[in-house]
Amino acid sequence: MYFSVESVRPLEGYRLLIKFENGEERIFDVSPYLNIGKFAELKSLPLFNSVVVKFDTIEWANHLDIDPEVLYEKSLKMEEKPITSRSTGRRKVLRP
């Protein structure tokens, strides 16, 4: 079983913040793939930042996509952590 992608946002360092249909937000690091075939095109930041949700996964403007199972299995779950003792809210931080 796999979870469909609901939203995606490009981050610095060739990472993606992905929200899956189960409500989890996870970080997928694209950088290990940037020297493999068509993925090398994603070194162009405008192209990398063109990522969108397409059907149940993500796709870039060059029509490159990644299977949602791979996105989920190879990504790291985000964890919640208090901002500061003065803050009453919580925020999500990127933590491997």
PDB file of N, CA and C in Angstrom:
ATOM      1  N   MET A   1       0.832  -1.186   0.000  1.00  0.00           N
ATOM      2  CA  MET A   1       0.000   0.000   0.000  1.00  0.00           C
ATOM      3  C   MET A   1       0.876   1.248   0.000  1.00  0.00           C
ATOM      4  N   TYR A   2       0.435   2.258  -0.713  1.00  0.00           N
ATOM      5  CA  TYR A   2       1.167   3.519  -0.728  1.00  0.00           C
ATOM      6  C   TYR A   2       0.207   4.657  -0.431  1.00  0.00           C
ATOM      7  N   PHE A   3       0.797   5.793  -0.070  1.00  0.00           N
ATOM      8  CA  PHE A   3       0.006   6.984   0.214  1.00  0.00           C
ATOM      9  C   PHE A   3       0.193   7.986  -0.918  1.00  0.00           C
ATOM     10  N   SER A   4      -0.902   8.552  -1.394  1.00  0.00           N
ATOM     11  CA  SER A   4      -0.840   9.579  -2.431  1.00  0.00           C
ATOM     12  C   SER A   4      -0.282  10.875  -1.856  1.00  0.00           C
ATOM     13  N   VAL A   5       0.331  11.660  -2.736  1.00  0.00           N
ATOM     14  CA  VAL A   5       0.848  12.968  -2.363  1.00  0.00           C
ATOM     15  C   VAL A   5      -0.291  13.982  -2.429  1.00  0.00           C
ATOM     16  N   GLU A   6      -0.434  14.776  -1.365  1.00  0.00           N
ATOM     17  CA  GLU A   6      -1.453  15.839  -1.348  1.00  0.00           C
ATOM     18  C   GLU A   6      -0.866  17.197  -1.675  1.00  0.00           C
ATOM     19  N   SER A   7       0.384  17.443  -1.227  1.00  0.00           N
ATOM     20  CA  SER A   7       1.020  18.727  -1.528  1.00  0.00           C
ATOM     21  C   SER A   7       2.529  18.551  -1.526  1.00  0.00           C
ATOM     22  N   VAL A   8       3.193  19.482  -2.210  1.00  0.00           N
ATOM     23  CA  VAL A   8       4.656  19.463  -2.268  1.00  0.00           C
ATOM     24  C   VAL A   8       5.154  20.898  -2.288  1.00  0.00           C
ATOM     25  N   ARG A   9       6.278  21.123  -1.611  1.00  0.00           N
ATOM     26  CA  ARG A   9       6.907  22.444  -1.608  1.00  0.00           C
ATOM     27  C   ARG A   9       8.419  22.252  -1.693  1.00  0.00           C
ATOM     28  N   PRO A  10       9.066  22.902  -2.663  1.00  0.00           N
ATOM     29  CA  PRO A  10      10.531  22.797  -2.746  1.00  0.00           C
ATOM     30  C   PRO A  10      11.187  23.553  -1.596  1.00  0.00           C
ATOM     31  N   LEU A  11      12.277  22.982  -1.081  1.00  0.00           N
ATOM     32  CA  LEU A  11      13.054  23.586  -0.002  1.00  0.00           C
ATOM     33  C   LEU A  11      14.484  23.789  -0.473  1.00  0.00           C
ATOM     34  N   GLU A  12      15.270  24.469   0.342  1.00  0.00           N
ATOM     35  CA  GLU A  12      16.689  24.633   0.022  1.00  0.00           C
ATOM     36  C   GLU A  12      17.379  23.275   0.053  1.00  0.00           C
ATOM     37  N   GLY A  13      18.508  23.195  -0.629  1.00  0.00           N
ATOM     38  CA  GLY A  13      19.313  21.980  -0.603  1.00  0.00           C
ATOM     39  C   GLY A  13      18.707  20.834  -1.385  1.00  0.00           C
ATOM     40  N   TYR A  14      17.906  21.146  -2.385  1.00  0.00           N
ATOM     41  CA  TYR A  14      17.270  20.132  -3.232  1.00  0.00           C
ATOM     42  C   TYR A  14      16.449  19.138  -2.420  1.00  0.00           C
ATOM     43  N   ARG A  15      15.698  19.667  -1.467  1.00  0.00           N
ATOM     44  CA  ARG A  15      14.793  18.845  -0.672  1.00  0.00           C
ATOM     45  C   ARG A  15      13.362  19.271  -0.952  1.00  0.00           C
ATOM     46  N   LEU A  16      12.439  18.360  -0.687  1.00  0.00           N
ATOM     47  CA  LEU A  16      11.024  18.624  -0.887  1.00  0.00           C
ATOM     48  C   LEU A  16      10.264  18.348   0.403  1.00  0.00           C
ATOM     49  N   LEU A  17       9.349  19.231   0.738  1.00  0.00           N
ATOM     50  CA  LEU A  17       8.425  18.996   1.832  1.00  0.00           C
ATOM     51  C   LEU A  17       7.159  18.425   1.197  1.00  0.00           C
ATOM     52  N   ILE A  18       6.842  17.198   1.560  1.00  0.00           N
ATOM     53  CA  ILE A  18       5.726  16.494   0.937  1.00  0.00           C
ATOM     54  C   ILE A  18       4.704  16.116   2.008  1.00  0.00           C
ATOM     55  N   LYS A  19       3.444  16.419   1.734  1.00  0.00           N
ATOM     56  CA  LYS A  19       2.354  15.976   2.609  1.00  0.00           C
ATOM     57  C   LYS A  19       1.638  14.830   1.903  1.00  0.00           C
ATOM     58  N   PHE A  20       1.478  13.727   2.641  1.00  0.00           N
ATOM     59  CA  PHE A  20       0.834  12.547   2.097  1.00  0.00           C
ATOM     60  C   PHE A  20      -0.612  12.449   2.588  1.00  0.00           C
ATOM     61  N   GLU A  21      -1.400  11.622   1.928  1.00  0.00           N
ATOM     62  CA  GLU A  21      -2.826  11.509   2.239  1.00  0.00           C
ATOM     63  C   GLU A  21      -3.093  11.016   3.658  1.00  0.00           C
ATOM     64  N   ASN A  22      -2.119  10.400   4.311  1.00  0.00           N
ATOM     65  CA  ASN A  22      -2.300   9.953   5.692  1.00  0.00           C
ATOM     66  C   ASN A  22      -2.034  11.083   6.694  1.00  0.00           C
ATOM     67  N   GLY A  23      -1.750  12.291   6.175  1.00  0.00           N
ATOM     68  CA  GLY A  23      -1.524  13.459   7.012  1.00  0.00           C
ATOM     69  C   GLY A  23      -0.070  13.698   7.378  1.00  0.00           C
ATOM     70  N   GLU A  24       0.805  12.746   7.083  1.00  0.00           N
ATOM     71  CA  GLU A  24       2.229  12.909   7.413  1.00  0.00           C
ATOM     72  C   GLU A  24       2.886  13.921   6.485  1.00  0.00           C
ATOM     73  N   GLU A  25       3.762  14.738   7.069  1.00  0.00           N
ATOM     74  CA  GLU A  25       4.632  15.616   6.285  1.00  0.00           C
ATOM     75  C   GLU A  25       6.035  15.034   6.391  1.00  0.00           C
ATOM     76  N   ARG A  26       6.651  14.856   5.246  1.00  0.00           N
ATOM     77  CA  ARG A  26       7.959  14.212   5.197  1.00  0.00           C
ATOM     78  C   ARG A  26       8.886  15.019   4.288  1.00  0.00           C
ATOM     79  N   ILE A  27      10.188  14.864   4.514  1.00  0.00           N
ATOM     80  CA  ILE A  27      11.213  15.539   3.713  1.00  0.00           C
ATOM     81  C   ILE A  27      11.889  14.507   2.812  1.00  0.00           C
ATOM     82  N   PHE A  28      11.874  14.785   1.519  1.00  0.00           N
ATOM     83  CA  PHE A  28      12.536  13.919   0.544  1.00  0.00           C
ATOM     84  C   PHE A  28      13.726  14.678  -0.024  1.00  0.00           C
ATOM     85  N   ASP A  29      14.904  14.084   0.075  1.00  0.00           N
ATOM     86  CA  ASP A  29      16.133  14.689  -0.428  1.00  0.00           C
ATOM     87  C   ASP A  29      16.398  14.212  -1.851  1.00  0.00           C
ATOM     88  N   VAL A  30      16.320  15.126  -2.803  1.00  0.00           N
ATOM     89  CA  VAL A  30      16.520  14.788  -4.213  1.00  0.00           C
ATOM     90  C   VAL A  30      18.010  14.768  -4.570  1.00  0.00           C
ATOM     91  N   SER A  31      18.857  15.398  -3.766  1.00  0.00           N
ATOM     92  CA  SER A  31      20.268  15.570  -4.131  1.00  0.00           C
ATOM     93  C   SER A  31      21.010  14.275  -4.470  1.00  0.00           C
ATOM     94  N   PRO A  32      20.745  13.134  -3.842  1.00  0.00           N
ATOM     95  CA  PRO A  32      21.459  11.917  -4.242  1.00  0.00           C
ATOM     96  C   PRO A  32      21.157  11.469  -5.677  1.00  0.00           C
ATOM     97  N   TYR A  33      20.089  11.977  -6.262  1.00  0.00           N
ATOM     98  CA  TYR A  33      19.678  11.568  -7.603  1.00  0.00           C
ATOM     99  C   TYR A  33      20.155  12.528  -8.698  1.00  0.00           C
ATOM    100  N   LEU A  34      20.746  13.653  -8.316  1.00  0.00           N
ATOM    101  CA  LEU A  34      21.033  14.717  -9.275  1.00  0.00           C
ATOM    102  C   LEU A  34      22.121  14.399 -10.299  1.00  0.00           C
ATOM    103  N   ASN A  35      22.815  13.310 -10.138  1.00  0.00           N
ATOM    104  CA  ASN A  35      23.820  12.910 -11.130  1.00  0.00           C
ATOM    105  C   ASN A  35      23.383  11.674 -11.904  1.00  0.00           C
ATOM    106  N   ILE A  36      22.094  11.374 -11.848  1.00  0.00           N
ATOM    107  CA  ILE A  36      21.559  10.189 -12.512  1.00  0.00           C
ATOM    108  C   ILE A  36      20.611  10.618 -13.630  1.00  0.00           C
ATOM    109  N   GLY A  37      20.996  10.340 -14.863  1.00  0.00           N
ATOM    110  CA  GLY A  37      20.124  10.557 -16.015  1.00  0.00           C
ATOM    111  C   GLY A  37      19.428  11.901 -16.050  1.00  0.00           C
ATOM    112  N   LYS A  38      18.117  11.853 -16.276  1.00  0.00           N
ATOM    113  CA  LYS A  38      17.310  13.064 -16.433  1.00  0.00           C
ATOM    114  C   LYS A  38      17.224  13.888 -15.148  1.00  0.00           C
ATOM    115  N   PHE A  39      17.503  13.265 -13.997  1.00  0.00           N
ATOM    116  CA  PHE A  39      17.488  14.004 -12.733  1.00  0.00           C
ATOM    117  C   PHE A  39      18.518  15.129 -12.719  1.00  0.00           C
ATOM    118  N   ALA A  40      19.581  15.015 -13.522  1.00  0.00           N
ATOM    119  CA  ALA A  40      20.613  16.054 -13.585  1.00  0.00           C
ATOM    120  C   ALA A  40      20.017  17.403 -14.009  1.00  0.00           C
ATOM    121  N   GLU A  41      18.949  17.366 -14.783  1.00  0.00           N
ATOM    122  CA  GLU A  41      18.293  18.608 -15.197  1.00  0.00           C
ATOM    123  C   GLU A  41      17.757  19.394 -14.005  1.00  0.00           C
ATOM    124  N   LEU A  42      17.481  18.699 -12.897  1.00  0.00           N
ATOM    125  CA  LEU A  42      16.912  19.356 -11.716  1.00  0.00           C
ATOM    126  C   LEU A  42      17.935  20.198 -10.958  1.00  0.00           C
ATOM    127  N   LYS A  43      19.188  20.173 -11.386  1.00  0.00           N
ATOM    128  CA  LYS A  43      20.193  21.067 -10.787  1.00  0.00           C
ATOM    129  C   LYS A  43      19.845  22.521 -11.081  1.00  0.00           C
ATOM    130  N   SER A  44      19.069  22.738 -12.131  1.00  0.00           N
ATOM    131  CA  SER A  44      18.554  24.071 -12.448  1.00  0.00           C
ATOM    132  C   SER A  44      17.472  24.400 -11.414  1.00  0.00           C
ATOM    133  N   LEU A  45      17.737  25.407 -10.574  1.00  0.00           N
ATOM    134  CA  LEU A  45      16.780  25.740  -9.520  1.00  0.00           C
ATOM    135  C   LEU A  45      15.394  26.120 -10.044  1.00  0.00           C
ATOM    136  N   PRO A  46      15.294  26.893 -11.136  1.00  0.00           N
ATOM    137  CA  PRO A  46      13.944  27.176 -11.646  1.00  0.00           C
ATOM    138  C   PRO A  46      13.187  25.892 -12.008  1.00  0.00           C
ATOM    139  N   LEU A  47      13.882  24.929 -12.594  1.00  0.00           N
ATOM    140  CA  LEU A  47      13.237  23.664 -12.927  1.00  0.00           C
ATOM    141  C   LEU A  47      12.914  22.880 -11.657  1.00  0.00           C
ATOM    142  N   PHE A  48      13.856  22.806 -10.725  1.00  0.00           N
ATOM    143  CA  PHE A  48      13.599  22.104  -9.466  1.00  0.00           C
ATOM    144  C   PHE A  48      12.379  22.695  -8.753  1.00  0.00           C
ATOM    145  N   ASN A  49      12.284  24.002  -8.742  1.00  0.00           N
ATOM    146  CA  ASN A  49      11.187  24.690  -8.052  1.00  0.00           C
ATOM    147  C   ASN A  49       9.855  24.597  -8.791  1.00  0.00           C
ATOM    148  N   SER A  50       9.856  24.018  -9.984  1.00  0.00           N
ATOM    149  CA  SER A  50       8.616  23.876 -10.757  1.00  0.00           C
ATOM    150  C   SER A  50       7.793  22.662 -10.322  1.00  0.00           C
ATOM    151  N   VAL A  51       8.220  21.959  -9.318  1.00  0.00           N
ATOM    152  CA  VAL A  51       7.547  20.728  -8.876  1.00  0.00           C
ATOM    153  C   VAL A  51       6.097  20.993  -8.449  1.00  0.00           C
ATOM    154  N   VAL A  52       5.204  20.103  -8.876  1.00  0.00           N
ATOM    155  CA  VAL A  52       3.781  20.195  -8.543  1.00  0.00           C
ATOM    156  C   VAL A  52       3.241  18.790  -8.266  1.00  0.00           C
ATOM    157  N   VAL A  53       2.068  18.753  -7.660  1.00  0.00           N
ATOM    158  CA  VAL A  53       1.373  17.476  -7.491  1.00  0.00           C
ATOM    159  C   VAL A  53       0.675  17.141  -8.805  1.00  0.00           C
ATOM    160  N   LYS A  54       0.876  15.929  -9.266  1.00  0.00           N
ATOM    161  CA  LYS A  54       0.233  15.462 -10.499  1.00  0.00           C
ATOM    162  C   LYS A  54      -0.335  14.075 -10.218  1.00  0.00           C
ATOM    163  N   PHE A  55      -1.636  13.960 -10.299  1.00  0.00           N
ATOM    164  CA  PHE A  55      -2.346  12.723  -9.948  1.00  0.00           C
ATOM    165  C   PHE A  55      -2.028  12.366  -8.494  1.00  0.00           C
ATOM    166  N   ASP A  56      -1.297  11.290  -8.242  1.00  0.00           N
ATOM    167  CA  ASP A  56      -1.024  10.878  -6.861  1.00  0.00           C
ATOM    168  C   ASP A  56       0.434  11.049  -6.458  1.00  0.00           C
ATOM    169  N   THR A  57       1.215  11.757  -7.282  1.00  0.00           N
ATOM    170  CA  THR A  57       2.646  11.920  -7.013  1.00  0.00           C
ATOM    171  C   THR A  57       3.084  13.338  -7.371  1.00  0.00           C
ATOM    172  N   ILE A  58       4.379  13.526  -7.584  1.00  0.00           N
ATOM    173  CA  ILE A  58       4.913  14.839  -7.954  1.00  0.00           C
ATOM    174  C   ILE A  58       5.456  14.791  -9.369  1.00  0.00           C
ATOM    175  N   GLU A  59       5.543  15.970  -9.981  1.00  0.00           N
ATOM    176  CA  GLU A  59       6.098  16.054 -11.335  1.00  0.00           C
ATOM    177  C   GLU A  59       6.722  17.424 -11.521  1.00  0.00           C
ATOM    178  N   TRP A  60       7.818  17.452 -12.270  1.00  0.00           N
ATOM    179  CA  TRP A  60       8.476  18.707 -12.622  1.00  0.00           C
ATOM    180  C   TRP A  60       8.089  19.121 -14.029  1.00  0.00           C
ATOM    181  N   ALA A  61       8.434  20.341 -14.405  1.00  0.00           N
ATOM    182  CA  ALA A  61       8.079  20.883 -15.722  1.00  0.00           C
ATOM    183  C   ALA A  61       8.693  20.087 -16.873  1.00  0.00           C
ATOM    184  N   ASN A  62       9.756  19.329 -16.603  1.00  0.00           N
ATOM    185  CA  ASN A  62      10.367  18.496 -17.650  1.00  0.00           C
ATOM    186  C   ASN A  62       9.708  17.109 -17.714  1.00  0.00           C
ATOM    187  N   HIS A  63       8.580  16.940 -17.039  1.00  0.00           N
ATOM    188  CA  HIS A  63       7.771  15.717 -17.016  1.00  0.00           C
ATOM    189  C   HIS A  63       8.416  14.566 -16.251  1.00  0.00           C
ATOM    190  N   LEU A  64       9.424  14.852 -15.480  1.00  0.00           N
ATOM    191  CA  LEU A  64      10.047  13.854 -14.622  1.00  0.00           C
ATOM    192  C   LEU A  64       9.182  13.685 -13.378  1.00  0.00           C
ATOM    193  N   ASP A  65       8.959  12.438 -12.984  1.00  0.00           N
ATOM    194  CA  ASP A  65       8.201  12.193 -11.764  1.00  0.00           C
ATOM    195  C   ASP A  65       8.876  11.086 -10.961  1.00  0.00           C
ATOM    196  N   ILE A  66       8.395  10.901  -9.741  1.00  0.00           N
ATOM    197  CA  ILE A  66       8.929   9.860  -8.861  1.00  0.00           C
ATOM    198  C   ILE A  66       7.733   9.125  -8.270  1.00  0.00           C
ATOM    199  N   ASP A  67       7.828   7.820  -8.227  1.00  0.00           N
ATOM    200  CA  ASP A  67       6.767   6.986  -7.677  1.00  0.00           C
ATOM    201  C   ASP A  67       6.468   7.393  -6.235  1.00  0.00           C
ATOM    202  N   PRO A  68       5.181   7.513  -5.866  1.00  0.00           N
ATOM    203  CA  PRO A  68       4.847   7.932  -4.504  1.00  0.00           C
ATOM    204  C   PRO A  68       5.354   6.971  -3.429  1.00  0.00           C
ATOM    205  N   GLU A  69       5.472   5.679  -3.768  1.00  0.00           N
ATOM    206  CA  GLU A  69       6.027   4.723  -2.801  1.00  0.00           C
ATOM    207  C   GLU A  69       7.479   5.049  -2.489  1.00  0.00           C
ATOM    208  N   VAL A  70       8.245   5.413  -3.501  1.00  0.00           N
ATOM    209  CA  VAL A  70       9.645   5.791  -3.317  1.00  0.00           C
ATOM    210  C   VAL A  70       9.727   7.062  -2.486  1.00  0.00           C
ATOM    211  N   LEU A  71       8.886   8.041  -2.806  1.00  0.00           N
ATOM    212  CA  LEU A  71       8.882   9.297  -2.054  1.00  0.00           C
ATOM    213  C   LEU A  71       8.636   9.041  -0.573  1.00  0.00           C
ATOM    214  N   TYR A  72       7.701   8.171  -0.276  1.00  0.00           N
ATOM    215  CA  TYR A  72       7.358   7.903   1.123  1.00  0.00           C
ATOM    216  C   TYR A  72       8.464   7.104   1.818  1.00  0.00           C
ATOM    217  N   GLU A  73       8.905   6.035   1.187  1.00  0.00           N
ATOM    218  CA  GLU A  73       9.890   5.151   1.815  1.00  0.00           C
ATOM    219  C   GLU A  73      11.260   5.803   1.991  1.00  0.00           C
ATOM    220  N   LYS A  74      11.641   6.696   1.093  1.00  0.00           N
ATOM    221  CA  LYS A  74      12.974   7.302   1.134  1.00  0.00           C
ATOM    222  C   LYS A  74      12.976   8.679   1.800  1.00  0.00           C
ATOM    223  N   SER A  75      11.853   9.086   2.366  1.00  0.00           N
ATOM    224  CA  SER A  75      11.778  10.401   3.005  1.00  0.00           C
ATOM    225  C   SER A  75      11.834  10.260   4.520  1.00  0.00           C
ATOM    226  N   LEU A  76      12.078  11.391   5.178  1.00  0.00           N
ATOM    227  CA  LEU A  76      12.150  11.428   6.635  1.00  0.00           C
ATOM    228  C   LEU A  76      10.949  12.166   7.186  1.00  0.00           C
ATOM    229  N   LYS A  77      10.367  11.607   8.233  1.00  0.00           N
ATOM    230  CA  LYS A  77       9.197  12.212   8.853  1.00  0.00           C
ATOM    231  C   LYS A  77       9.598  13.460   9.627  1.00  0.00           C
ATOM    232  N   MET A  78       8.778  14.506   9.505  1.00  0.00           N
ATOM    233  CA  MET A  78       8.995  15.727  10.275  1.00  0.00           C
ATOM    234  C   MET A  78       8.494  15.502  11.692  1.00  0.00           C
ATOM    235  N   GLU A  79       9.154  16.152  12.652  1.00  0.00           N
ATOM    236  CA  GLU A  79       8.741  16.051  14.051  1.00  0.00           C
ATOM    237  C   GLU A  79       8.395  17.436  14.576  1.00  0.00           C
ATOM    238  N   GLU A  80       7.540  17.495  15.568  1.00  0.00           N
ATOM    239  CA  GLU A  80       7.189  18.771  16.181  1.00  0.00           C
ATOM    240  C   GLU A  80       8.088  19.029  17.377  1.00  0.00           C
ATOM    241  N   LYS A  81       8.420  20.297  17.567  1.00  0.00           N
ATOM    242  CA  LYS A  81       9.289  20.704  18.663  1.00  0.00           C
ATOM    243  C   LYS A  81       8.861  22.106  19.089  1.00  0.00           C
ATOM    244  N   PRO A  82       8.841  22.398  20.391  1.00  0.00           N
ATOM    245  CA  PRO A  82       8.490  23.757  20.813  1.00  0.00           C
ATOM    246  C   PRO A  82       9.463  24.783  20.230  1.00  0.00           C
ATOM    247  N   ILE A  83       8.946  25.986  19.923  1.00  0.00           N
ATOM    248  CA  ILE A  83       9.778  27.044  19.353  1.00  0.00           C
ATOM    249  C   ILE A  83      10.720  27.596  20.427  1.00  0.00           C
ATOM    250  N   THR A  84      10.193  28.200  21.456  1.00  0.00           N
ATOM    251  CA  THR A  84      10.979  28.719  22.582  1.00  0.00           C
ATOM    252  C   THR A  84      10.093  28.695  23.811  1.00  0.00           C
ATOM    253  N   SER A  85      10.665  28.950  24.966  1.00  0.00           N
ATOM    254  CA  SER A  85       9.880  28.971  26.190  1.00  0.00           C
ATOM    255  C   SER A  85       8.917  30.163  26.207  1.00  0.00           C
ATOM    256  N   ARG A  86       9.231  31.234  25.455  1.00  0.00           N
ATOM    257  CA  ARG A  86       8.351  32.403  25.394  1.00  0.00           C
ATOM    258  C   ARG A  86       7.186  32.181  24.452  1.00  0.00           C
ATOM    259  N   SER A  87       7.301  31.204  23.610  1.00  0.00           N
ATOM    260  CA  SER A  87       6.259  30.967  22.621  1.00  0.00           C
ATOM    261  C   SER A  87       5.202  30.021  23.184  1.00  0.00           C
ATOM    262  N   THR A  88       3.991  30.261  22.806  1.00  0.00           N
ATOM    263  CA  THR A  88       2.905  29.375  23.230  1.00  0.00           C
ATOM    264  C   THR A  88       2.528  28.415  22.105  1.00  0.00           C
ATOM    265  N   GLY A  89       3.075  28.647  20.920  1.00  0.00           N
ATOM    266  CA  GLY A  89       2.751  27.792  19.788  1.00  0.00           C
ATOM    267  C   GLY A  89       3.768  26.689  19.599  1.00  0.00           C
ATOM    268  N   ARG A  90       3.519  25.920  18.565  1.00  0.00           N
ATOM    269  CA  ARG A  90       4.466  24.880  18.174  1.00  0.00           C
ATOM    270  C   ARG A  90       4.748  25.070  16.692  1.00  0.00           C
ATOM    271  N   ARG A  91       5.905  24.629  16.274  1.00  0.00           N
ATOM    272  CA  ARG A  91       6.201  24.676  14.840  1.00  0.00           C
ATOM    273  C   ARG A  91       6.871  23.377  14.454  1.00  0.00           C
ATOM    274  N   LYS A  92       6.845  23.097  13.204  1.00  0.00           N
ATOM    275  CA  LYS A  92       7.486  21.897  12.720  1.00  0.00           C
ATOM    276  C   LYS A  92       8.908  22.232  12.328  1.00  0.00           C
ATOM    277  N   VAL A  93       9.810  21.343  12.672  1.00  0.00           N
ATOM    278  CA  VAL A  93      11.206  21.534  12.325  1.00  0.00           C
ATOM    279  C   VAL A  93      11.664  20.355  11.505  1.00  0.00           C
ATOM    280  N   LEU A  94      12.651  20.581  10.685  1.00  0.00           N
ATOM    281  CA  LEU A  94      13.207  19.506   9.874  1.00  0.00           C
ATOM    282  C   LEU A  94      14.239  18.769  10.707  1.00  0.00           C
ATOM    283  N   ARG A  95      13.922  17.560  11.054  1.00  0.00           N
ATOM    284  CA  ARG A  95      14.847  16.782  11.863  1.00  0.00           C
ATOM    285  C   ARG A  95      14.925  15.381  11.307  1.00  0.00           C
ATOM    286  N   PRO A  96      16.129  14.933  10.904  1.00  0.00           N
ATOM    287  CA  PRO A  96      16.250  13.582  10.368  1.00  0.00           C
ATOM    288  C   PRO A  96      16.025  12.531  11.422  1.00  0.00           C
TER     289      PRO A  96
END
